[in-house]
């Protein structure tokens, strides 16, 4: 069935006859009659009961009339959206660490899904090095990283929060009695540090300069494994503050005099931005302003 012929069919019903429909469509009655006969032959059913003065729909005709209106409306809407550049569909591949970025990312994901048709978000929790590698390989469209490194090679959108380094330790540790934790408190401690290269570099420089006789006994990629190591008594973990530390059997205190790390949404400058990608950036900017 062609959309053009479906439109002819609907017009005959709306105009209550072939003569008026042909005049309205600016085609000859014979041409219109031939098109409807061909449609009936194609479908193998009779659509009209033809009387001497008027025509009426058969049961199959009523069914096709209702479906044809839906099909034509959908076609018109789709065409209008494509012409106006309003379609929002496809997939976004986004990577981020485990931090407050979710406060901005997740509401944005929901808005895109609600606005679009078939929008799918592939969201990965990875460490910083894995995230950047995914962006460079093209498996990720956008990433959120916490870093003080130069990002001039990327498009960036700075998020309105910073990550603060601190110590995750078991509940009832001596650190619970301290108001603040400084580098000297890490002397002779077994430490668990992140594997992320820029974080490791910053932390090792800090430890080497300000801490005497520390021991790095383990590294971690994800915070779930880090918390398991702390619970198992392997050592104290250097990590960013997380909402999960507000309660539970692992406590957190900020490490004084260690610079906070900005969180930044980045994407490649040479990446061809899709309509969905542009909508994601626009919604993220709105979320940041609010």
Protein backbone atom coordinates (compact mmCIF):
# COMPACT_ATOMS: atom_id res chain seq x y z
CA UNK A 1 0.00 0.00 0.00
CA UNK A 2 1.28 3.41 -0.94
CA UNK A 3 0.70 6.37 1.35
CA UNK A 4 -0.61 8.32 -1.65
CA UNK A 5 -3.33 5.72 -2.29
CA UNK A 6 -4.22 5.55 1.41
CA UNK A 7 -4.68 9.31 1.32
CA UNK A 8 -6.99 8.94 -1.71
CA UNK A 9 -9.02 6.33 0.16
CA UNK A 10 -9.39 8.50 3.28
CA UNK A 11 -10.34 11.51 1.16
CA UNK A 12 -13.16 9.55 -0.54
CA UNK A 13 -14.58 8.65 2.87
CA UNK A 14 -14.23 12.18 4.20
CA UNK A 15 -15.83 13.72 1.07
CA UNK A 16 -18.61 11.06 1.00
CA UNK A 17 -17.94 10.13 -2.61
CA UNK A 18 -15.48 9.88 -5.46
CA UNK A 19 -16.65 13.00 -7.31
CA UNK A 20 -16.03 15.43 -4.45
CA UNK A 21 -12.82 13.64 -3.50
CA UNK A 22 -11.48 13.85 -7.04
CA UNK A 23 -12.25 17.57 -7.18
CA UNK A 24 -10.58 18.13 -3.82
CA UNK A 25 -7.52 16.12 -4.85
CA UNK A 26 -7.38 17.76 -8.31
CA UNK A 27 -7.35 14.45 -10.17
CA UNK A 28 -9.86 12.85 -12.54
CA UNK A 29 -12.65 10.60 -11.25
CA UNK A 30 -11.49 7.78 -13.49
CA UNK A 31 -7.96 7.94 -12.12
CA UNK A 32 -9.25 7.93 -8.54
CA UNK A 33 -11.62 5.04 -9.21
CA UNK A 34 -8.83 3.05 -10.83
CA UNK A 35 -6.52 3.63 -7.81
CA UNK A 36 -9.17 2.37 -5.37
CA UNK A 37 -9.92 -0.69 -7.51
CA UNK A 38 -6.21 -1.49 -7.62
CA UNK A 39 -6.08 -1.11 -3.81
CA UNK A 40 -8.99 -3.53 -3.38
CA UNK A 41 -7.31 -6.04 -5.68
CA UNK A 42 -4.03 -5.66 -3.79
CA UNK A 43 -5.73 -6.28 -0.45
CA UNK A 44 -8.06 -8.96 -1.79
CA UNK A 45 -11.14 -7.37 -0.24
CA UNK A 46 -13.95 -4.97 -1.06
CA UNK A 47 -13.67 -1.61 0.69
CA UNK A 48 -16.81 0.18 -0.56
CA UNK A 49 -20.42 -0.74 -1.22
CA UNK A 50 -21.22 1.25 -4.33
CA UNK A 51 -24.82 2.46 -4.68
CA UNK A 52 -26.48 4.53 -7.41
CA UNK A 53 -26.17 7.79 -5.44
CA UNK A 54 -23.56 7.16 -2.75
CA UNK A 55 -20.99 4.72 -1.50
CA UNK A 56 -20.53 3.29 1.98
CA UNK A 57 -17.77 1.38 3.71
CA UNK A 58 -17.66 -2.35 4.17
CA UNK A 59 -16.45 -3.82 7.49
CA UNK A 60 -12.93 -4.11 6.06
CA UNK A 61 -13.30 -0.57 4.72
CA UNK A 62 -14.01 0.77 8.23
CA UNK A 63 -10.98 -1.08 9.56
CA UNK A 64 -8.71 0.29 6.86
CA UNK A 65 -10.12 3.82 7.25
CA UNK A 66 -9.24 3.96 10.94
CA UNK A 67 -5.81 2.43 10.39
CA UNK A 68 -5.12 4.64 7.36
CA UNK A 69 -5.78 7.80 9.41
CA UNK A 70 -3.30 6.58 12.03
CA UNK A 71 -0.70 5.71 9.39
CA UNK A 72 -1.05 9.05 7.61
CA UNK A 73 -0.89 11.00 10.86
CA UNK A 74 2.23 9.10 11.92
CA UNK A 75 3.79 9.70 8.51
CA UNK A 76 3.05 13.43 8.67
CA UNK A 77 4.39 13.76 12.20
CA UNK A 78 7.54 11.84 11.32
CA UNK A 79 8.12 13.95 8.24
CA UNK A 80 7.60 17.17 10.18
CA UNK A 81 9.99 16.11 12.91
CA UNK A 82 12.66 15.18 10.40
CA UNK A 83 12.23 18.41 8.46
CA UNK A 84 12.33 20.48 11.65
CA UNK A 85 15.23 18.50 13.10
CA UNK A 86 13.33 17.44 16.21
CA UNK A 87 13.84 13.68 16.23
CA UNK A 88 15.57 12.43 19.35
CA UNK A 89 16.60 8.79 19.21
CA UNK A 90 19.62 6.52 19.28
CA UNK A 91 22.17 5.57 21.92
CA UNK A 92 24.56 7.47 24.17
CA UNK A 93 27.62 5.76 25.62
CA UNK A 94 28.73 7.50 28.79
CA UNK A 95 31.40 6.63 31.34
CA UNK A 96 31.91 8.09 34.80
CA UNK A 97 33.43 7.31 38.15
CA UNK A 98 31.45 6.90 41.34
CA UNK A 99 30.84 10.44 42.56
CA UNK A 100 28.31 13.27 42.70
CA UNK A 101 28.12 13.40 38.90
CA UNK A 102 25.08 11.13 39.19
CA UNK A 103 23.15 14.04 40.70
CA UNK A 104 23.37 15.71 37.27
CA UNK A 105 23.69 12.78 34.87
CA UNK A 106 20.74 10.64 35.98
CA UNK A 107 18.04 13.39 35.81
CA UNK A 108 19.43 14.31 32.37
CA UNK A 109 19.20 10.70 31.20
CA UNK A 110 15.54 10.59 32.27
CA UNK A 111 14.69 13.79 30.39
CA UNK A 112 16.25 12.46 27.20
CA UNK A 113 14.43 9.13 27.49
CA UNK A 114 11.11 10.88 28.15
CA UNK A 115 11.56 13.30 25.25
CA UNK A 116 12.87 10.87 22.69
CA UNK A 117 11.74 7.77 20.89
CA UNK A 118 13.80 4.68 21.63
CA UNK A 119 16.58 6.59 23.41
CA UNK A 120 19.00 4.21 25.12
CA UNK A 121 21.70 5.17 27.63
CA UNK A 122 24.70 2.86 28.00
CA UNK A 123 26.22 4.02 31.31
CA UNK A 124 29.48 2.55 32.56
CA UNK A 125 31.20 3.00 35.91
CA UNK A 126 34.94 2.87 35.27
CA UNK A 127 38.11 4.30 36.70
CA UNK A 128 39.61 7.41 35.16
CA UNK A 129 42.13 5.69 32.90
CA UNK A 130 39.56 3.25 31.50
CA UNK A 131 37.15 6.12 30.91
CA UNK A 132 39.64 8.17 28.87
CA UNK A 133 40.72 5.08 26.90
CA UNK A 134 37.08 4.41 26.01
CA UNK A 135 36.68 7.99 24.82
CA UNK A 136 39.79 7.75 22.64
CA UNK A 137 38.74 4.39 21.18
CA UNK A 138 35.29 5.76 20.37
CA UNK A 139 33.42 3.28 22.56
CA UNK A 140 32.32 6.19 24.81
CA UNK A 141 30.73 9.43 23.60
CA UNK A 142 31.04 11.38 26.84
CA UNK A 143 32.94 10.82 30.07
CA UNK A 144 33.11 12.44 33.50
CA UNK A 145 36.53 12.48 35.10
CA UNK A 146 38.01 14.01 38.22
CA UNK A 147 41.36 15.46 37.27
CA UNK A 148 43.63 18.48 37.37
CA UNK A 149 45.30 17.43 34.13
CA UNK A 150 45.30 19.61 31.00
CA UNK A 151 42.11 18.99 28.99
CA UNK A 152 42.77 21.34 26.07
CA UNK A 153 42.46 18.47 23.60
CA UNK A 154 38.80 17.95 24.56
CA UNK A 155 35.55 19.85 24.75
CA UNK A 156 34.75 20.33 28.42
CA UNK A 157 31.90 21.21 30.75
CA UNK A 158 32.93 21.69 34.38
CA UNK A 159 30.49 20.28 36.92
CA UNK A 160 29.61 22.36 40.00
CA UNK A 161 31.36 20.22 42.60
CA UNK A 162 34.84 19.05 43.50
CA UNK A 163 36.14 15.77 44.82
CA UNK A 164 38.06 15.89 48.09
CA UNK A 165 40.72 13.38 49.01
CA UNK A 166 40.37 11.66 52.33
CA UNK A 167 40.82 8.44 54.25
CA UNK A 168 38.29 5.60 54.34
CA UNK A 169 38.79 3.55 57.49
CA UNK A 170 36.90 0.97 59.59
CA UNK A 171 34.37 2.22 62.12
CA UNK A 172 35.80 2.55 65.65
CA UNK A 173 39.26 3.32 64.29
CA UNK A 174 41.33 5.88 66.23
CA UNK A 175 40.61 8.35 63.42
CA UNK A 176 37.05 8.63 64.75
CA UNK A 177 38.48 10.63 67.66
CA UNK A 178 40.23 13.16 65.43
CA UNK A 179 38.62 16.36 64.20
CA UNK A 180 40.91 16.49 61.18
CA UNK A 181 43.37 14.17 59.48
CA UNK A 182 46.71 15.44 58.17
CA UNK A 183 49.63 13.82 56.42
CA UNK A 184 51.43 13.03 59.68
CA UNK A 185 48.52 10.77 60.71
CA UNK A 186 49.43 8.39 57.87
CA UNK A 187 52.86 7.60 59.29
CA UNK A 188 53.46 3.84 59.54
CA UNK A 189 50.01 3.12 58.10
CA UNK A 190 49.21 0.47 55.51
CA UNK A 191 47.59 2.33 52.62
CA UNK A 192 45.34 1.31 49.73
CA UNK A 193 45.49 3.73 46.79
CA UNK A 194 43.63 4.05 43.45
CA UNK A 195 45.17 2.72 40.24
CA UNK A 196 44.19 5.79 38.19
CA UNK A 197 47.46 7.16 36.81
CA UNK A 198 47.02 10.89 37.45
CA UNK A 199 45.54 10.23 40.90
CA UNK A 200 48.36 7.85 41.79
CA UNK A 201 50.94 10.39 40.64
CA UNK A 202 49.42 13.15 42.75
CA UNK A 203 49.02 10.97 45.82
CA UNK A 204 52.50 9.47 45.66
CA UNK A 205 54.03 12.94 45.36
CA UNK A 206 52.04 14.03 48.41
CA UNK A 207 52.95 10.95 50.43
CA UNK A 208 56.63 11.11 49.51
CA UNK A 209 56.85 14.75 50.52
CA UNK A 210 54.76 14.82 53.68
CA UNK A 211 54.50 11.29 55.11
CA UNK A 212 57.26 9.28 56.76
CA UNK A 213 57.42 5.50 56.55
CA UNK A 214 54.10 4.70 54.87
CA UNK A 215 53.32 1.40 53.17
CA UNK A 216 51.25 0.97 49.99
CA UNK A 217 49.90 -2.55 50.39
CA UNK A 218 47.19 -2.61 47.71
CA UNK A 219 45.57 -0.71 44.83
CA UNK A 220 41.96 -0.63 43.63
CA UNK A 221 39.93 0.20 40.53
CA UNK A 222 36.39 0.37 41.92
CA UNK A 223 35.16 1.51 45.30
CA UNK A 224 33.23 -1.67 46.03
CA UNK A 225 36.48 -3.64 46.05
CA UNK A 226 38.24 -0.91 48.00
CA UNK A 227 35.61 -1.02 50.74
CA UNK A 228 35.93 -4.81 50.87
CA UNK A 229 39.71 -4.47 51.39
CA UNK A 230 39.23 -1.92 54.16
CA UNK A 231 36.66 -4.17 55.85
CA UNK A 232 39.09 -7.09 55.60
CA UNK A 233 41.72 -5.08 57.48
CA UNK A 234 44.24 -4.72 54.65
CA UNK A 235 44.72 -1.04 55.34
CA UNK A 236 43.30 2.47 55.08
CA UNK A 237 42.17 3.72 51.67
CA UNK A 238 42.91 7.07 50.09
CA UNK A 239 39.77 7.93 48.17
CA UNK A 240 37.28 10.62 47.30
CA UNK A 241 34.36 11.40 49.58
CA UNK A 242 31.23 9.38 48.76
CA UNK A 243 27.66 9.54 50.07
CA UNK A 244 28.00 5.90 51.17
CA UNK A 245 30.46 6.96 53.87
CA UNK A 246 27.83 8.97 55.71
CA UNK A 247 26.76 5.76 57.46
CA UNK A 248 27.83 2.15 57.69
CA UNK A 249 30.89 0.31 58.87
CA UNK A 250 33.37 2.41 56.89
CA UNK A 251 33.93 6.03 57.86
CA UNK A 252 35.57 8.82 55.91
CA UNK A 253 37.42 11.98 56.86
CA UNK A 254 38.85 14.54 54.52
CA UNK A 255 42.62 14.76 54.31
CA UNK A 256 43.65 18.33 55.05
CA UNK A 257 45.93 20.38 52.81
CA UNK A 258 45.48 18.18 49.74
CA UNK A 259 43.92 20.05 46.82
CA UNK A 260 40.36 19.30 45.75
CA UNK A 261 39.92 17.83 42.26
CA UNK A 262 37.39 19.30 39.79
CA UNK A 263 34.98 17.00 37.96
CA UNK A 264 34.59 17.63 34.26
CA UNK A 265 32.36 16.28 31.49
CA UNK A 266 34.52 15.85 28.40
CA UNK A 267 34.04 14.73 24.78
CA UNK A 268 36.26 14.61 21.74
CA UNK A 269 36.59 17.69 19.57
CA UNK A 270 36.74 15.60 16.40
CA UNK A 271 33.60 13.60 17.29
CA UNK A 272 30.63 14.20 14.96
CA UNK A 273 27.92 15.26 17.38
CA UNK A 274 24.49 13.67 16.97
CA UNK A 275 21.20 15.40 17.73
CA UNK A 276 20.94 13.25 20.85
CA UNK A 277 24.47 14.23 21.88
CA UNK A 278 23.68 17.93 21.48
CA UNK A 279 20.49 17.45 23.50
CA UNK A 280 22.50 15.75 26.24
CA UNK A 281 24.92 18.68 26.47
CA UNK A 282 22.05 21.19 26.50
CA UNK A 283 20.25 19.33 29.30
CA UNK A 284 23.46 19.01 31.32
CA UNK A 285 24.01 22.77 31.08
CA UNK A 286 20.47 23.33 32.36
CA UNK A 287 21.03 20.89 35.22
CA UNK A 288 24.21 22.72 36.23
CA UNK A 289 22.50 26.12 36.22
CA UNK A 290 19.69 24.80 38.40
